[in-house]
Protein backbone atom coordinates (compact mmCIF):
# COMPACT_ATOMS: atom_id res chain seq x y z
CA MET A 1 0.00 0.00 0.00
CA GLN A 2 2.83 2.31 0.94
CA LYS A 3 4.66 1.57 -2.29
CA GLY A 4 1.59 2.28 -4.41
CA GLY A 5 1.08 5.61 -2.66
CA ASN A 6 4.72 6.56 -3.21
CA ASP A 7 4.49 5.66 -6.90
CA TYR A 8 1.40 7.86 -7.24
CA TRP A 9 3.06 10.92 -5.76
CA THR A 10 6.31 10.26 -7.64
CA GLY A 11 4.35 10.31 -10.89
CA LYS A 12 2.59 13.53 -9.88
CA ILE A 13 5.90 15.22 -9.03
CA GLN A 14 7.48 14.13 -12.32
CA SER A 15 4.49 15.45 -14.27
CA MET A 16 4.64 18.76 -12.42
CA ARG A 17 8.36 19.04 -13.19
CA ARG A 18 7.61 18.56 -16.89
CA PHE A 19 4.93 21.21 -16.68
CA ILE A 20 7.30 23.66 -14.96
CA PHE A 21 9.91 22.89 -17.63
CA LEU A 22 7.34 23.76 -20.31
CA PHE A 23 6.66 27.07 -18.59
CA GLY A 24 10.40 27.75 -18.50
CA VAL A 25 10.59 27.14 -22.25
CA LEU A 26 7.79 29.67 -22.75
CA ILE A 27 9.73 32.25 -20.74
CA LEU A 28 12.82 31.56 -22.87
CA LEU A 29 10.75 32.01 -26.02
CA ALA A 30 9.46 35.26 -24.56
CA GLY A 31 12.98 36.60 -24.32
CA THR A 32 13.73 35.46 -27.86
CA SER A 33 10.55 37.10 -29.14
CA VAL A 34 11.40 40.40 -27.45
CA SER A 35 14.93 40.35 -28.87
CA PHE A 36 14.17 39.47 -32.48
CA ALA A 37 10.62 40.67 -33.05
CA GLN A 38 11.08 43.91 -31.05
CA THR A 39 7.89 43.33 -29.10
CA ASP A 40 6.39 46.63 -27.97
CA ASP A 41 4.83 45.42 -24.74
CA PHE A 42 4.55 42.61 -22.23
CA GLY A 43 1.54 41.51 -20.21
CA ILE A 44 0.24 38.82 -17.88
CA TRP A 45 -3.18 37.20 -18.21
CA MET A 46 -4.76 35.33 -15.31
CA SER A 47 -8.16 33.72 -14.99
CA VAL A 48 -10.11 31.45 -12.68
CA GLY A 49 -13.23 29.65 -13.80
CA ALA A 50 -15.75 26.93 -13.11
CA GLU A 51 -17.73 24.67 -15.42
CA LYS A 52 -20.62 22.27 -14.99
CA LYS A 53 -21.53 19.60 -17.55
CA ILE A 54 -25.09 18.29 -17.74
CA ASP A 55 -25.66 15.82 -20.58
CA LYS A 56 -24.77 17.75 -23.76
CA TRP A 57 -24.72 21.15 -22.03
CA THR A 58 -21.75 22.89 -20.42
CA PHE A 59 -22.22 25.97 -18.22
CA GLU A 60 -19.22 28.25 -17.61
CA LEU A 61 -18.23 31.12 -15.33
CA GLU A 62 -14.89 32.93 -15.54
CA GLN A 63 -13.15 35.92 -13.96
CA GLU A 64 -10.04 37.33 -15.66
CA LEU A 65 -7.38 39.99 -15.21
CA ARG A 66 -5.02 41.24 -17.93
CA THR A 67 -2.06 43.61 -17.62
CA MET A 68 -0.12 45.75 -20.09
CA GLU A 69 2.64 48.41 -20.19
CA ASN A 70 5.23 45.76 -19.27
CA SER A 71 2.72 44.45 -16.73
CA GLY A 72 2.71 47.78 -14.89
CA GLU A 73 -0.89 48.69 -15.75
CA ILE A 74 -4.18 46.81 -15.67
CA GLU A 75 -5.44 46.35 -19.23
CA ARG A 76 -8.84 44.92 -18.39
CA ILE A 77 -10.92 43.06 -15.84
CA GLY A 78 -13.64 40.79 -17.17
CA THR A 79 -16.44 38.52 -16.02
CA MET A 80 -17.88 35.91 -18.40
CA VAL A 81 -20.88 33.62 -18.22
CA GLY A 82 -21.63 31.18 -21.01
CA LEU A 83 -22.99 27.87 -22.15
CA ASP A 84 -22.39 25.52 -25.04
CA TYR A 85 -24.24 22.57 -26.51
CA LYS A 86 -22.72 19.51 -28.17
CA LEU A 87 -24.66 18.94 -31.40
CA LEU A 88 -22.49 15.98 -32.42
CA LYS A 89 -19.36 14.41 -30.97
CA PRO A 90 -17.07 16.61 -33.11
CA LEU A 91 -19.29 19.73 -33.18
CA LYS A 92 -20.55 22.15 -30.53
CA VAL A 93 -22.10 25.62 -30.50
CA GLY A 94 -22.04 28.20 -27.75
CA LEU A 95 -23.14 31.60 -26.48
CA SER A 96 -21.52 33.80 -23.83
CA TYR A 97 -21.72 37.27 -22.30
CA GLN A 98 -18.80 39.28 -20.95
CA PHE A 99 -18.75 42.44 -18.88
CA ILE A 100 -15.38 44.12 -19.35
CA THR A 101 -13.81 47.09 -17.57
CA LEU A 102 -11.15 48.39 -19.97
CA ASN A 103 -8.25 50.72 -19.16
CA ASP A 104 -8.20 53.36 -21.93
CA LEU A 105 -4.75 54.93 -21.70
CA GLU A 106 -5.52 57.49 -24.40
CA ASN A 107 -8.48 58.93 -22.49
CA GLU A 108 -7.04 58.06 -19.06
CA ASP A 109 -10.12 56.32 -17.70
CA MET A 110 -11.68 52.92 -17.11
CA GLN A 111 -14.48 52.18 -19.57
CA PRO A 112 -17.23 49.53 -19.47
CA ARG A 113 -17.75 47.12 -22.37
CA HIS A 114 -20.55 44.64 -23.02
CA ARG A 115 -19.63 41.69 -25.24
CA ILE A 116 -21.67 38.85 -26.69
CA ASN A 117 -19.97 35.86 -28.33
CA MET A 118 -21.65 33.29 -30.58
CA TYR A 119 -19.55 30.44 -31.89
CA ALA A 120 -19.35 27.03 -33.50
CA GLN A 121 -16.41 24.67 -33.04
CA GLY A 122 -15.55 21.46 -34.83
CA LYS A 123 -12.74 19.04 -34.11
CA TYR A 124 -10.98 16.11 -35.77
CA GLU A 125 -8.89 13.52 -33.93
CA TRP A 126 -5.93 11.85 -35.63
CA HIS A 127 -3.82 9.45 -33.59
CA ARG A 128 -2.92 11.50 -30.49
CA PHE A 129 -3.53 14.87 -32.17
CA THR A 130 -6.76 16.85 -31.98
CA PHE A 131 -7.33 19.55 -34.61
CA SER A 132 -10.06 22.07 -33.87
CA LEU A 133 -11.46 25.10 -35.69
CA ARG A 134 -13.62 27.67 -33.93
CA GLU A 135 -15.54 30.45 -35.69
CA ARG A 136 -16.76 33.14 -33.28
CA PHE A 137 -19.00 36.12 -34.03
CA GLN A 138 -18.24 38.80 -31.46
CA LEU A 139 -20.33 41.89 -30.71
CA THR A 140 -18.81 44.57 -28.45
CA TYR A 141 -20.85 47.53 -27.23
CA LYS A 142 -19.04 50.60 -25.84
CA ASP A 143 -20.42 53.24 -23.50
CA GLU A 144 -20.89 56.54 -25.39
CA THR A 145 -21.75 58.71 -22.39
CA GLU A 146 -18.55 60.75 -22.78
CA ARG A 147 -17.42 60.02 -26.36
CA THR A 148 -18.55 58.40 -29.60
CA TYR A 149 -17.02 55.58 -31.64
CA LYS A 150 -16.92 54.80 -35.35
CA MET A 151 -18.05 51.22 -34.80
CA ASN A 152 -20.51 50.78 -31.94
CA PRO A 153 -21.41 48.05 -31.51
CA LYS A 154 -18.36 46.53 -33.17
CA TRP A 155 -18.87 43.23 -34.98
CA SER A 156 -15.88 40.93 -35.43
CA LEU A 157 -15.21 37.43 -36.71
CA ARG A 158 -12.57 35.51 -34.79
CA SER A 159 -11.23 32.34 -36.44
CA LYS A 160 -9.07 30.06 -34.30
CA LEU A 161 -7.17 26.95 -35.38
CA LYS A 162 -5.77 24.83 -32.55
CA ILE A 163 -3.73 21.63 -32.33
CA ASP A 164 -3.61 19.61 -29.10
CA TYR A 165 -1.41 16.59 -28.40
CA ASN A 166 -2.25 13.84 -25.91
CA ILE A 167 0.98 12.58 -24.32
CA PRO A 168 0.69 8.87 -23.41
CA ASP A 169 0.21 8.23 -19.67
CA SER A 170 0.63 11.92 -18.84
CA PRO A 171 -1.72 14.55 -17.38
CA ILE A 172 0.00 17.19 -19.54
CA SER A 173 -1.46 18.13 -22.93
CA PRO A 174 0.57 20.65 -24.98
CA PHE A 175 -1.06 22.80 -27.64
CA VAL A 176 -0.42 25.49 -30.26
CA SER A 177 -2.96 27.82 -31.84
CA PHE A 178 -3.42 30.64 -34.34
CA GLU A 179 -6.25 33.17 -34.32
CA SER A 180 -7.27 36.00 -36.65
CA PHE A 181 -9.57 38.97 -35.98
CA TYR A 182 -11.65 40.41 -38.84
CA GLN A 183 -13.87 43.51 -38.70
CA LEU A 184 -17.41 43.03 -40.01
CA ASN A 185 -18.97 46.51 -39.83
CA ASN A 186 -16.20 49.04 -40.51
CA PRO A 187 -17.90 51.92 -42.41
CA ASP A 188 -14.67 52.56 -44.33
CA LYS A 189 -13.65 49.00 -45.21
CA ASN A 190 -13.74 45.67 -43.40
CA LYS A 191 -10.27 44.30 -42.72
CA PHE A 192 -8.18 42.07 -40.48
CA ASP A 193 -7.08 44.03 -37.42
CA GLY A 194 -5.38 41.42 -35.25
CA LEU A 195 -3.43 38.15 -35.16
CA ARG A 196 -2.66 35.93 -32.18
CA TYR A 197 -0.15 33.04 -31.89
CA SER A 198 -0.03 30.91 -28.76
CA ALA A 199 1.59 27.80 -27.29
CA GLY A 200 1.21 26.17 -23.92
CA GLY A 201 0.01 23.18 -21.99
CA ARG A 202 -2.78 21.97 -19.74
CA TYR A 203 -2.11 20.03 -16.55
CA LYS A 204 -4.97 17.90 -15.23
CA ILE A 205 -4.47 17.71 -11.48
CA ASN A 206 -7.50 15.44 -11.03
CA LYS A 207 -11.03 15.15 -12.42
CA HIS A 208 -12.10 18.40 -10.74
CA HIS A 209 -9.03 20.64 -11.02
CA GLY A 210 -6.99 21.72 -14.03
CA ILE A 211 -4.48 24.46 -14.78
CA GLU A 212 -3.18 25.89 -18.05
CA LEU A 213 0.05 27.76 -18.74
CA PHE A 214 0.63 29.53 -22.03
CA GLY A 215 2.56 32.16 -23.91
CA LEU A 216 1.20 34.17 -26.80
CA VAL A 217 1.93 37.02 -29.18
CA ASP A 218 -1.02 39.39 -29.61
CA LYS A 219 -0.44 41.59 -32.66
CA GLU A 220 -2.47 44.51 -34.01
CA ILE A 221 -2.37 44.98 -37.79
CA ASN A 222 -3.75 47.42 -40.39
CA THR A 223 -3.93 50.29 -37.90
CA LYS A 224 -1.91 53.36 -36.93
CA ASN A 225 0.71 52.72 -34.25
CA PRO A 226 0.03 48.97 -33.95
CA VAL A 227 0.94 47.27 -30.69
CA GLN A 228 2.54 43.85 -30.49
CA ARG A 229 2.33 42.34 -27.01
CA PHE A 230 3.92 39.17 -25.66
CA VAL A 231 1.84 37.56 -22.93
CA LEU A 232 2.46 34.90 -20.30
CA GLY A 233 -0.73 33.51 -18.83
CA THR A 234 -2.27 31.03 -16.48
CA ALA A 235 -5.84 29.76 -16.22
CA TYR A 236 -7.40 27.60 -13.51
CA VAL A 237 -10.67 25.72 -14.03
CA TYR A 238 -12.76 23.82 -11.51
CA SER A 239 -15.06 21.21 -13.08
CA PHE A 240 -17.98 19.64 -11.25
């Protein structure tokens, strides 16, 4: 009995070491990105969430915090509630609402945002790889009490391609992803205005607790004074 318990904790410790090693690699890549791509900014993203699955439905709640200005300023604080429904094994659809408090450095104030997301996601499994594609329609409404905006509400299409890998006999699942942001109601001309590249890993502590570590490059395009930000992030999810 004692031996079995020791083996269990030895395996957990080894898995955690691999996960910490992965996070160290992300930090190393961060330094490389800053040196060669001349990244303009650095931020940290953190979130905690909970999810409940009932048959084909999944209910979600998440609280997040993002920083900017080399992590010296809060970029935004957000609360999200959502649900999704599994139509088929490889296909699900979802709807969510986010209330966001955004730090507008240009106007030196914190501004409220209301965001609605509608999406469909399909996946394909090949050996130990899982390929997924998510198409998300995003509507963001801005408060115009003190100023007006060219696009309000702003409609965007976010397309995300993701590849996950299931390591044999391991609670760690690494992943890479690419996401594009496309404007849908620009009165001048619709265009892509953002790209996002990410890599990281999920660590399943047990059936109720999981944590994710990731690094990403968030890049504005087709705009004046575009910002490219490298981000290190962590996300915790409690499932019940």
